[in-house]
Amino acid sequence: MYTPDREELVKLLDTPIFRKISQTADELDMECYVVGGYVRDIFLQRPSKDIDVVVVGKGVDMARAFARKLGRKAHLSVFANFGTAQVKYHDLEIEFVGARKESYTHDSRNPIVEDGTLEDDQNRRDFTINALAICLNSARFGELVDPFDGMLDLEDRIIRTPLEPGITFSDDPLRMMRCIRFATQLNFYIEEETFDALCENKERIRIISRERINDELNKIILSPTPSKGFIELDRCGLLEIIFPQLTAMQGVEVKNGYGHKEMFYHTLEVLDNIAKHTDNLWLRWAALLHDIGKPRTKRWDPIQKWTFHNHNAVGEKMVLKIFKEFKMPLNEKMRYVAKLVGMHMRPIVIADNEVTDSAVRRLLFDAGDDIDDLMTLCEADITSKNEVRKKHFLNNFRTVRQKLKDLEERDRIRNFQPPVDGKEIMDLFSLPPCDTVGRLKAMVKDAILDGVIPNEHDAALAYIIERAKELGIDCNPVANE
């Protein structure tokens, strides 16, 4: 890990923004420090655009003075009830807060806040690595204040609370989610006493809103190796409380000497696999939920052994309920996840058999613009330990992808619209809106998807006329009056 000394920190902070903050603090005769994640990320050499500044005094007053110094391009937002203010300047967000000390009541994570010292403010921080502060006043510019050995914890890659962890987590239970989130994002370890406190205080998470829990969960899902976070959530008992549908996937039931595939760790492996290829949060959610219907569909059959028939359809329906529980958007994002969960078996079934043009056309028709994401999900779902079977699937998936490309270029099936619409059919046969029109449209669609006719107007029209004759419908308008 990179550990600059004060001279190097002075150089790192020697930017127009930090110099203007320093000048403003000196002019107002206020102690001023950059704290928290921005400082941590300096040492981890991670880019950060969010700057938290603690002022021993009125943070709002300093924010106003700083915004005036920046000029018209600075946008100031004051949150008087919280004693904080934010200055947005180009791509930076600088938040100012007065140093404070906090106390809590048992039934709320909202603290009782009083003015305090820098020491008080560092005491209230969630983890030692987030309690680091660097002075910005000119006389001490670049001086690191590290009362809890946060630098050592950064070196050792440890997540630890500044004060007694049981009190830290009981006071603000959301910190338990943040603890696991930071361990996952940074690939750090949770210190033993801190982990024990997670286990002891897990029930306190029930006072946290679903929205706040989901915000942390999304950050875990978007981390480089999200399985780490879910394993830690499970180890400490939080997962059972916040996401019982996932823990229901755990374990292997054995009957007559036959056990089924372990679903929970398979799901986490799929999530890790897909994380290597995409930062799309909702595609990662689809990976997490792709087998969520399996516990409800698990059946024992003496001939087939363990079965999970229609688990994809059951899982698709469960997505809406899960999104509602987590207060996630019930819009096209939810429908996208549900669609991928419902369809995730289709490419696998095709790849496990002969890859026919007809099956691939129908897959492309049903998936539409989501076909590439669906294929990425299905390839991530190949976790077989049988290397021969795994190679077979991957080779077949390459064939499916190539056929998808070739058929799309030739037949234009993606987001397919029938080349002959209902109005033209009604005009041709002098029909009112009726089931017959729908049947003829469906026949054309099936004929195109099955490769019987090309996706062209004249061919489709000729096909409709032939099928209409079979139904006893004459295309002569007079005959249908």
Protein backbone atom coordinates (compact mmCIF):
# COMPACT_ATOMS: atom_id res chain seq x y z
CA MET A 1 0.00 0.00 0.00
CA TYR A 2 1.15 3.53 -0.83
CA THR A 3 1.81 5.56 2.38
CA PRO A 4 2.92 9.12 1.63
CA ASP A 5 4.57 11.21 4.33
CA ARG A 6 3.44 14.75 5.16
CA GLU A 7 5.60 16.31 2.44
CA GLU A 8 3.98 14.05 -0.16
CA LEU A 9 0.51 14.77 1.26
CA VAL A 10 1.18 18.49 0.89
CA LYS A 11 1.98 17.89 -2.79
CA LEU A 12 -1.11 15.71 -3.27
CA LEU A 13 -3.36 18.37 -1.73
CA ASP A 14 -1.63 21.27 -3.42
CA THR A 15 -4.55 21.93 -5.79
CA PRO A 16 -6.57 25.11 -6.33
CA ILE A 17 -9.57 23.59 -4.53
CA PHE A 18 -7.73 22.59 -1.36
CA ARG A 19 -5.73 25.84 -1.32
CA LYS A 20 -8.98 27.83 -1.53
CA ILE A 21 -10.47 25.75 1.33
CA SER A 22 -7.29 26.45 3.32
CA GLN A 23 -7.47 30.19 2.63
CA THR A 24 -11.15 30.30 3.58
CA ALA A 25 -10.50 28.46 6.87
CA ASP A 26 -7.62 30.77 7.78
CA GLU A 27 -9.64 33.88 6.96
CA LEU A 28 -12.47 32.65 9.22
CA ASP A 29 -9.99 31.48 11.86
CA MET A 30 -11.50 27.94 11.85
CA GLU A 31 -9.81 24.56 12.19
CA CYS A 32 -10.48 22.61 9.02
CA TYR A 33 -9.78 19.01 7.92
CA VAL A 34 -10.47 16.79 4.94
CA VAL A 35 -11.72 13.50 6.39
CA GLY A 36 -13.17 10.09 5.68
CA GLY A 37 -13.31 8.31 2.35
CA TYR A 38 -11.34 10.89 0.39
CA VAL A 39 -8.38 10.53 2.77
CA ARG A 40 -8.67 6.74 2.82
CA ASP A 41 -8.67 6.66 -0.97
CA ILE A 42 -5.54 8.81 -1.16
CA PHE A 43 -3.64 6.02 0.56
CA LEU A 44 -5.37 3.30 -1.46
CA GLN A 45 -4.69 5.28 -4.66
CA ARG A 46 -8.34 5.18 -5.63
CA PRO A 47 -9.89 8.11 -7.51
CA SER A 48 -12.51 10.11 -5.62
CA LYS A 49 -14.62 13.14 -6.51
CA ASP A 50 -16.44 13.43 -3.16
CA ILE A 51 -14.62 15.52 -0.56
CA ASP A 52 -15.80 15.68 3.07
CA VAL A 53 -14.54 18.63 5.09
CA VAL A 54 -14.93 18.91 8.87
CA VAL A 55 -14.82 22.38 10.38
CA VAL A 56 -14.40 23.01 14.09
CA GLY A 57 -17.14 25.62 14.07
CA LYS A 58 -20.02 26.35 11.71
CA GLY A 59 -19.55 24.27 8.58
CA VAL A 60 -22.36 26.09 6.77
CA ASP A 61 -20.64 29.46 7.30
CA MET A 62 -17.45 28.13 5.81
CA ALA A 63 -19.27 26.56 2.86
CA ARG A 64 -20.89 29.91 2.02
CA ALA A 65 -17.55 31.74 2.19
CA PHE A 66 -15.86 29.05 0.11
CA ALA A 67 -18.59 29.17 -2.56
CA ARG A 68 -18.21 32.95 -2.83
CA LYS A 69 -14.48 32.49 -3.32
CA LEU A 70 -15.07 30.02 -6.19
CA GLY A 71 -17.44 32.40 -7.98
CA ARG A 72 -20.49 31.85 -10.15
CA LYS A 73 -19.59 28.31 -11.29
CA ALA A 74 -20.00 27.02 -7.74
CA HIS A 75 -23.40 25.70 -6.71
CA LEU A 76 -24.16 25.89 -2.97
CA SER A 77 -26.79 23.74 -1.22
CA VAL A 78 -27.43 24.32 2.49
CA PHE A 79 -29.10 21.70 4.68
CA ALA A 80 -29.74 23.80 7.76
CA ASN A 81 -31.53 21.06 9.73
CA PHE A 82 -28.41 18.90 9.55
CA GLY A 83 -25.85 21.68 9.89
CA THR A 84 -24.25 20.70 6.57
CA ALA A 85 -23.72 22.32 3.20
CA GLN A 86 -22.54 21.08 -0.18
CA VAL A 87 -20.61 22.93 -2.85
CA LYS A 88 -20.63 21.49 -6.36
CA TYR A 89 -17.87 22.78 -8.59
CA HIS A 90 -17.31 21.20 -12.00
CA ASP A 91 -17.07 17.45 -11.29
CA LEU A 92 -16.32 17.81 -7.57
CA GLU A 93 -18.72 17.67 -4.63
CA ILE A 94 -17.36 19.19 -1.41
CA GLU A 95 -19.46 18.69 1.72
CA PHE A 96 -18.87 20.85 4.79
CA VAL A 97 -19.99 19.90 8.27
CA GLY A 98 -19.22 21.24 11.69
CA ALA A 99 -17.34 18.89 14.01
CA ARG A 100 -19.87 17.18 16.24
CA LYS A 101 -20.46 14.51 18.81
CA GLU A 102 -23.42 12.16 18.71
CA SER A 103 -25.57 10.12 21.08
CA TYR A 104 -28.34 7.67 20.23
CA THR A 105 -31.63 6.31 21.55
CA HIS A 106 -32.28 2.59 21.20
CA ASP A 107 -35.19 2.84 18.77
CA SER A 108 -33.59 5.10 16.16
CA ARG A 109 -30.40 5.42 14.15
CA ASN A 110 -30.85 9.20 14.03
CA PRO A 111 -28.41 10.68 16.54
CA ILE A 112 -28.76 13.54 18.98
CA VAL A 113 -26.11 15.94 17.70
CA GLU A 114 -24.05 18.53 19.58
CA ASP A 115 -21.15 20.72 18.53
CA GLY A 116 -17.84 19.04 19.22
CA THR A 117 -14.11 18.86 18.61
CA LEU A 118 -12.20 17.04 15.89
CA GLU A 119 -11.67 14.23 18.41
CA ASP A 120 -15.44 13.99 18.99
CA ASP A 121 -15.99 13.89 15.24
CA GLN A 122 -13.45 11.13 14.68
CA ASN A 123 -14.97 9.14 17.55
CA ARG A 124 -18.32 9.06 15.74
CA ARG A 125 -16.84 7.66 12.50
CA ASP A 126 -17.86 4.15 11.49
CA PHE A 127 -14.44 2.57 10.87
CA THR A 128 -10.84 3.41 11.65
CA ILE A 129 -9.97 3.68 7.96
CA ASN A 130 -12.70 6.31 7.61
CA ALA A 131 -11.60 8.27 10.68
CA LEU A 132 -8.40 9.58 9.09
CA ALA A 133 -8.15 13.37 8.82
CA ILE A 134 -5.69 15.73 7.14
CA CYS A 135 -5.42 19.32 8.31
CA LEU A 136 -6.00 22.00 5.66
CA ASN A 137 -5.05 25.09 7.70
CA SER A 138 -1.91 26.69 6.25
CA ALA A 139 0.16 26.25 9.44
CA ARG A 140 -0.50 22.47 9.53
CA PHE A 141 -1.38 21.83 5.88
CA GLY A 142 -0.96 18.11 5.06
CA GLU A 143 -0.67 16.95 8.70
CA LEU A 144 -2.34 13.55 9.21
CA VAL A 145 -4.46 13.00 12.34
CA ASP A 146 -4.91 9.26 12.97
CA PRO A 147 -6.02 8.56 16.57
CA PHE A 148 -7.20 4.97 15.95
CA ASP A 149 -4.29 3.58 13.92
CA GLY A 150 -6.33 3.62 10.74
CA MET A 151 -3.11 3.60 8.71
CA LEU A 152 -2.11 0.29 10.28
CA ASP A 153 -5.54 -1.12 9.46
CA LEU A 154 -5.14 0.04 5.86
CA GLU A 155 -1.75 -1.72 5.77
CA ASP A 156 -3.26 -4.90 7.25
CA ARG A 157 -6.46 -4.60 5.15
CA ILE A 158 -8.70 -4.70 8.21
CA ILE A 159 -12.17 -3.25 8.85
CA ARG A 160 -12.43 -2.23 12.51
CA THR A 161 -14.55 0.27 14.44
CA PRO A 162 -12.88 3.20 16.28
CA LEU A 163 -14.82 2.55 19.50
CA GLU A 164 -16.46 -0.56 20.96
CA PRO A 165 -18.10 -2.28 17.96
CA GLY A 166 -21.20 -3.44 19.80
CA ILE A 167 -22.09 0.14 20.66
CA THR A 168 -21.15 1.36 17.16
CA PHE A 169 -23.49 -1.13 15.47
CA SER A 170 -26.28 -0.87 18.01
CA ASP A 171 -26.29 2.94 17.73
CA ASP A 172 -26.48 2.87 13.93
CA PRO A 173 -27.26 -0.62 12.57
CA LEU A 174 -26.75 0.51 8.97
CA ARG A 175 -23.05 0.45 9.82
CA MET A 176 -23.27 -3.35 9.81
CA MET A 177 -24.16 -3.26 6.11
CA ARG A 178 -21.46 -0.66 5.50
CA CYS A 179 -18.92 -2.85 7.30
CA ILE A 180 -19.56 -5.74 4.93
CA ARG A 181 -19.81 -3.42 1.94
CA PHE A 182 -16.36 -1.90 2.60
CA ALA A 183 -14.85 -5.34 3.21
CA THR A 184 -16.27 -6.44 -0.14
CA GLN A 185 -15.36 -3.36 -2.18
CA LEU A 186 -11.81 -3.13 -0.80
CA ASN A 187 -11.24 -6.90 -0.35
CA PHE A 188 -10.47 -6.29 3.34
CA TYR A 189 -11.00 -8.57 6.33
CA ILE A 190 -13.40 -7.83 9.17
CA GLU A 191 -11.56 -7.77 12.49
CA GLU A 192 -12.68 -10.58 14.84
CA GLU A 193 -14.24 -8.48 17.59
CA THR A 194 -15.99 -6.35 14.97
CA PHE A 195 -17.38 -9.48 13.27
CA ASP A 196 -18.61 -10.85 16.62
CA ALA A 197 -20.48 -7.58 17.12
CA LEU A 198 -22.15 -8.03 13.72
CA CYS A 199 -23.50 -11.39 14.88
CA GLU A 200 -24.64 -10.05 18.24
CA ASN A 201 -26.42 -7.01 16.81
CA LYS A 202 -27.90 -8.49 13.63
CA GLU A 203 -31.52 -8.09 14.83
CA ARG A 204 -30.98 -4.33 15.08
CA ILE A 205 -30.98 -4.17 11.27
CA ARG A 206 -34.79 -4.38 11.44
CA ILE A 207 -35.03 -0.67 12.35
CA ILE A 208 -33.29 0.31 9.09
CA SER A 209 -35.42 1.17 6.06
CA ARG A 210 -35.39 -1.16 3.09
CA GLU A 211 -34.20 1.69 0.88
CA ARG A 212 -31.04 2.18 2.97
CA ILE A 213 -30.37 -1.56 3.15
CA ASN A 214 -30.84 -1.88 -0.61
CA ASP A 215 -28.47 1.01 -1.28
CA GLU A 216 -25.69 -0.88 0.53
CA LEU A 217 -26.72 -4.17 -1.08
CA ASN A 218 -26.44 -2.62 -4.54
CA LYS A 219 -22.91 -1.45 -3.73
CA ILE A 220 -22.02 -5.00 -2.68
CA ILE A 221 -23.52 -6.37 -5.91
CA LEU A 222 -21.50 -3.84 -7.94
CA SER A 223 -18.20 -4.71 -6.22
CA PRO A 224 -15.48 -6.69 -8.08
CA THR A 225 -16.24 -9.97 -6.24
CA PRO A 226 -19.76 -9.63 -4.83
CA SER A 227 -19.88 -13.19 -3.45
CA LYS A 228 -17.56 -12.07 -0.64
CA GLY A 229 -20.22 -9.70 0.66
CA PHE A 230 -23.03 -12.25 0.52
CA ILE A 231 -20.92 -14.87 2.28
CA GLU A 232 -20.13 -12.38 5.07
CA LEU A 233 -23.81 -11.36 5.29
CA ASP A 234 -24.67 -15.04 5.65
CA ARG A 235 -21.92 -15.81 8.17
CA CYS A 236 -23.08 -13.12 10.58
CA GLY A 237 -26.80 -13.89 10.18
CA LEU A 238 -27.85 -10.68 8.45
CA LEU A 239 -28.75 -12.34 5.15
CA GLU A 240 -31.47 -14.48 6.71
CA ILE A 241 -33.12 -11.30 8.01
CA ILE A 242 -32.82 -9.07 4.95
CA PHE A 243 -33.01 -11.63 2.13
CA PRO A 244 -34.57 -14.96 3.24
CA GLN A 245 -35.31 -15.95 -0.37
CA LEU A 246 -31.54 -16.32 -0.87
CA THR A 247 -30.85 -18.32 2.29
CA ALA A 248 -33.71 -20.64 1.29
CA MET A 249 -31.39 -21.80 -1.51
CA GLN A 250 -28.79 -23.16 0.91
CA GLY A 251 -27.97 -26.78 1.49
CA VAL A 252 -28.25 -30.08 -0.39
CA GLU A 253 -31.05 -32.53 0.29
CA VAL A 254 -30.18 -36.20 -0.25
CA LYS A 255 -32.74 -38.90 -1.00
CA ASN A 256 -31.96 -42.52 -1.87
CA GLY A 257 -28.34 -41.50 -2.19
CA TYR A 258 -29.04 -38.70 -4.70
CA GLY A 259 -28.34 -35.07 -3.87
CA HIS A 260 -29.21 -32.06 -5.97
CA LYS A 261 -26.91 -29.19 -6.94
CA GLU A 262 -26.14 -26.71 -4.15
CA MET A 263 -28.01 -23.60 -5.24
CA PHE A 264 -26.74 -20.80 -2.97
CA TYR A 265 -23.04 -21.02 -3.77
CA HIS A 266 -23.81 -21.77 -7.41
CA THR A 267 -25.74 -18.49 -7.54
CA LEU A 268 -22.83 -16.58 -6.01
CA GLU A 269 -20.47 -18.16 -8.54
CA VAL A 270 -22.75 -17.03 -11.38
CA LEU A 271 -22.82 -13.51 -9.88
CA ASP A 272 -19.01 -13.43 -9.71
CA ASN A 273 -18.78 -14.75 -13.26
CA ILE A 274 -21.03 -12.05 -14.64
CA ALA A 275 -19.25 -9.35 -12.61
CA LYS A 276 -16.17 -10.02 -14.74
CA HIS A 277 -18.06 -8.94 -17.85
CA THR A 278 -20.49 -6.18 -16.89
CA ASP A 279 -21.11 -3.30 -14.48
CA ASN A 280 -24.82 -3.34 -15.33
CA LEU A 281 -26.47 -3.45 -11.88
CA TRP A 282 -29.69 -4.95 -13.20
CA LEU A 283 -27.93 -7.69 -15.16
CA ARG A 284 -26.09 -8.55 -11.94
CA TRP A 285 -29.45 -8.65 -10.13
CA ALA A 286 -30.69 -11.05 -12.81
CA ALA A 287 -27.68 -13.28 -12.07
CA LEU A 288 -28.44 -13.15 -8.34
CA LEU A 289 -32.10 -14.07 -8.89
CA HIS A 290 -31.84 -16.42 -11.86
CA ASP A 291 -32.48 -19.56 -9.77
CA ILE A 292 -34.53 -17.92 -7.00
CA GLY A 293 -37.54 -20.09 -7.92
CA LYS A 294 -35.73 -23.39 -7.37
CA PRO A 295 -36.54 -23.92 -3.66
CA ARG A 296 -40.27 -23.57 -4.43
CA THR A 297 -40.16 -25.98 -7.37
CA LYS A 298 -37.88 -28.67 -5.93
CA ARG A 299 -39.49 -32.11 -6.24
CA TRP A 300 -38.30 -35.70 -5.89
CA ASP A 301 -39.15 -38.06 -8.73
CA PRO A 302 -38.11 -41.74 -8.54
CA ILE A 303 -37.15 -41.70 -12.22
CA GLN A 304 -35.83 -38.17 -12.79
CA LYS A 305 -34.51 -37.84 -9.21
CA TRP A 306 -34.45 -34.15 -8.17
CA THR A 307 -36.35 -31.79 -10.46
CA PHE A 308 -36.96 -28.03 -10.56
CA HIS A 309 -39.58 -27.85 -13.31
CA ASN A 310 -40.61 -24.31 -14.28
CA HIS A 311 -38.29 -22.74 -11.74
CA ASN A 312 -37.55 -19.99 -14.25
CA ALA A 313 -41.25 -19.08 -14.58
CA VAL A 314 -41.74 -19.17 -10.79
CA GLY A 315 -38.60 -17.07 -10.33
CA GLU A 316 -39.83 -14.55 -12.89
CA LYS A 317 -42.98 -14.00 -10.80
CA MET A 318 -40.93 -13.70 -7.58
CA VAL A 319 -38.91 -10.80 -8.99
CA LEU A 320 -41.82 -8.37 -8.61
CA LYS A 321 -42.32 -9.29 -4.94
CA ILE A 322 -38.62 -9.00 -4.18
CA PHE A 323 -38.39 -5.61 -5.89
CA LYS A 324 -41.42 -4.42 -3.89
CA GLU A 325 -39.88 -5.63 -0.62
CA PHE A 326 -36.62 -3.82 -1.34
CA LYS A 327 -38.43 -0.69 -2.52
CA MET A 328 -36.65 -0.94 -5.87
CA PRO A 329 -38.07 0.57 -9.07
CA LEU A 330 -41.12 -1.28 -10.42
CA ASN A 331 -40.47 -0.05 -13.95
CA GLU A 332 -38.58 -1.28 -16.99
CA LYS A 333 -35.63 -2.24 -14.75
CA MET A 334 -37.77 -4.70 -12.82
CA ARG A 335 -39.33 -6.01 -16.04
CA TYR A 336 -35.85 -6.45 -17.54
CA VAL A 337 -34.68 -8.54 -14.55
CA ALA A 338 -37.89 -10.60 -14.56
CA LYS A 339 -37.57 -11.21 -18.31
CA LEU A 340 -33.98 -12.48 -18.02
CA VAL A 341 -34.87 -14.70 -15.05
CA GLY A 342 -37.81 -16.12 -16.99
CA MET A 343 -35.77 -16.72 -20.15
CA HIS A 344 -32.45 -17.87 -18.71
CA MET A 345 -33.07 -21.54 -19.51
CA ARG A 346 -33.87 -20.97 -23.18
CA PRO A 347 -30.32 -20.57 -24.56
CA ILE A 348 -29.12 -23.42 -22.33
CA VAL A 349 -31.75 -25.79 -23.73
CA ILE A 350 -30.81 -24.75 -27.28
CA ALA A 351 -27.10 -25.19 -26.58
CA ASP A 352 -27.71 -28.63 -25.05
CA ASN A 353 -29.38 -29.84 -28.25
CA GLU A 354 -28.94 -29.33 -31.98
CA VAL A 355 -28.75 -25.59 -32.62
CA THR A 356 -31.54 -25.11 -35.18
CA ASP A 357 -32.25 -21.89 -37.04
CA SER A 358 -35.89 -22.00 -35.95
CA ALA A 359 -35.06 -22.21 -32.23
CA VAL A 360 -32.54 -19.40 -32.53
CA ARG A 361 -35.00 -17.17 -34.45
CA ARG A 362 -37.62 -17.64 -31.73
CA LEU A 363 -35.05 -16.88 -29.05
CA LEU A 364 -34.06 -13.69 -30.85
CA PHE A 365 -37.71 -12.73 -31.35
CA ASP A 366 -38.62 -13.19 -27.66
CA ALA A 367 -35.44 -11.62 -26.22
CA GLY A 368 -35.31 -8.61 -28.57
CA ASP A 369 -32.70 -6.03 -27.58
CA ASP A 370 -31.92 -7.98 -24.39
CA ILE A 371 -30.50 -10.97 -26.29
CA ASP A 372 -26.84 -10.06 -25.68
CA ASP A 373 -27.41 -9.66 -21.93
CA LEU A 374 -29.35 -12.93 -21.83
CA MET A 375 -26.48 -14.76 -23.51
CA THR A 376 -23.98 -13.19 -21.10
CA LEU A 377 -26.12 -14.38 -18.17
CA CYS A 378 -26.39 -17.90 -19.55
CA GLU A 379 -22.66 -18.18 -20.18
CA ALA A 380 -22.04 -17.04 -16.59
CA ASP A 381 -24.44 -19.80 -15.49
CA ILE A 382 -22.09 -22.51 -16.77
CA THR A 383 -20.40 -23.56 -13.53
CA SER A 384 -20.15 -27.30 -14.10
CA LYS A 385 -17.10 -28.97 -12.58
CA ASN A 386 -17.24 -31.47 -15.46
CA GLU A 387 -14.78 -29.84 -17.86
CA VAL A 388 -15.96 -31.91 -20.84
CA ARG A 389 -19.59 -30.85 -20.32
CA LYS A 390 -18.53 -27.25 -19.66
CA LYS A 391 -16.51 -27.17 -22.89
CA HIS A 392 -19.47 -28.64 -24.79
CA PHE A 393 -21.79 -25.89 -23.54
CA LEU A 394 -19.32 -23.09 -24.24
CA ASN A 395 -18.69 -24.36 -27.76
CA ASN A 396 -22.43 -24.60 -28.41
CA PHE A 397 -22.96 -21.10 -27.00
CA ARG A 398 -20.42 -19.80 -29.50
CA THR A 399 -22.46 -21.50 -32.22
CA VAL A 400 -25.67 -19.93 -30.86
CA ARG A 401 -24.07 -16.47 -30.78
CA GLN A 402 -22.86 -16.82 -34.37
CA LYS A 403 -26.30 -18.02 -35.53
CA LEU A 404 -27.91 -15.09 -33.71
CA LYS A 405 -25.63 -12.71 -35.59
CA ASP A 406 -26.16 -14.38 -38.96
CA LEU A 407 -29.94 -14.68 -38.64
CA GLU A 408 -30.32 -11.12 -37.41
CA GLU A 409 -28.37 -9.81 -40.38
CA ARG A 410 -30.40 -11.95 -42.79
CA ASP A 411 -33.91 -12.05 -41.30
CA ARG A 412 -34.06 -8.89 -39.12
CA ILE A 413 -35.87 -10.76 -36.34
CA ARG A 414 -34.85 -8.57 -33.39
CA ASN A 415 -37.85 -6.42 -32.39
CA PHE A 416 -39.67 -8.10 -35.27
CA GLN A 417 -42.82 -6.47 -36.67
CA PRO A 418 -44.97 -8.51 -39.11
CA PRO A 419 -44.37 -7.33 -42.73
CA VAL A 420 -48.17 -7.47 -43.23
CA ASP A 421 -50.15 -5.75 -40.50
CA GLY A 422 -53.69 -6.31 -39.30
CA LYS A 423 -55.16 -3.38 -41.24
CA GLU A 424 -53.83 -4.73 -44.54
CA ILE A 425 -55.30 -8.16 -43.76
CA MET A 426 -58.71 -6.63 -42.93
CA ASP A 427 -58.65 -4.55 -46.12
CA LEU A 428 -57.60 -7.52 -48.23
CA PHE A 429 -60.42 -9.77 -47.01
CA SER A 430 -62.96 -7.09 -46.02
CA LEU A 431 -62.87 -8.38 -42.46
CA PRO A 432 -63.74 -6.50 -39.31
CA PRO A 433 -61.38 -6.77 -36.30
CA CYS A 434 -61.75 -10.42 -35.26
CA ASP A 435 -59.93 -13.59 -34.18
CA THR A 436 -59.34 -14.57 -37.80
CA VAL A 437 -57.11 -11.54 -38.35
CA GLY A 438 -55.09 -12.50 -35.28
CA ARG A 439 -54.79 -16.12 -36.48
CA LEU A 440 -53.47 -15.03 -39.87
CA LYS A 441 -50.92 -12.69 -38.27
CA ALA A 442 -49.77 -15.49 -35.95
CA MET A 443 -49.41 -17.85 -38.93
CA VAL A 444 -47.16 -15.36 -40.70
CA LYS A 445 -45.06 -14.83 -37.60
CA ASP A 446 -44.60 -18.59 -37.07
CA ALA A 447 -43.77 -19.12 -40.75
CA ILE A 448 -41.05 -16.46 -40.65
CA LEU A 449 -39.60 -17.71 -37.35
CA ASP A 450 -39.62 -21.31 -38.62
CA GLY A 451 -37.86 -20.24 -41.83
CA VAL A 452 -40.77 -21.26 -44.09
CA ILE A 453 -40.86 -17.81 -45.71
CA PRO A 454 -38.44 -14.84 -45.63
CA ASN A 455 -39.22 -11.76 -43.54
CA GLU A 456 -40.50 -9.84 -46.59
CA HIS A 457 -43.82 -8.22 -47.45
CA ASP A 458 -44.62 -9.98 -50.74
CA ALA A 459 -43.72 -13.43 -49.44
CA ALA A 460 -45.79 -12.85 -46.31
CA LEU A 461 -48.76 -11.60 -48.32
CA ALA A 462 -48.70 -14.64 -50.61
CA TYR A 463 -48.50 -16.93 -47.57
CA ILE A 464 -51.51 -15.22 -45.95
CA ILE A 465 -53.61 -15.65 -49.09
CA GLU A 466 -52.79 -19.38 -49.19
CA ARG A 467 -53.62 -19.85 -45.51
CA ALA A 468 -56.82 -17.83 -45.91
CA LYS A 469 -57.99 -20.18 -48.66
CA GLU A 470 -57.52 -23.10 -46.23
CA LEU A 471 -59.73 -21.25 -43.76
CA GLY A 472 -62.37 -20.69 -46.43
CA ILE A 473 -61.75 -16.97 -46.72
CA ASP A 474 -61.79 -15.46 -50.22
CA CYS A 475 -59.56 -12.47 -50.86
CA ASN A 476 -62.17 -11.17 -53.35
CA PRO A 477 -63.77 -8.31 -51.39
CA VAL A 478 -67.17 -8.94 -52.98
CA ALA A 479 -67.30 -12.48 -51.62
CA ASN A 480 -66.85 -11.28 -48.05
CA GLU A 481 -69.45 -8.49 -48.02
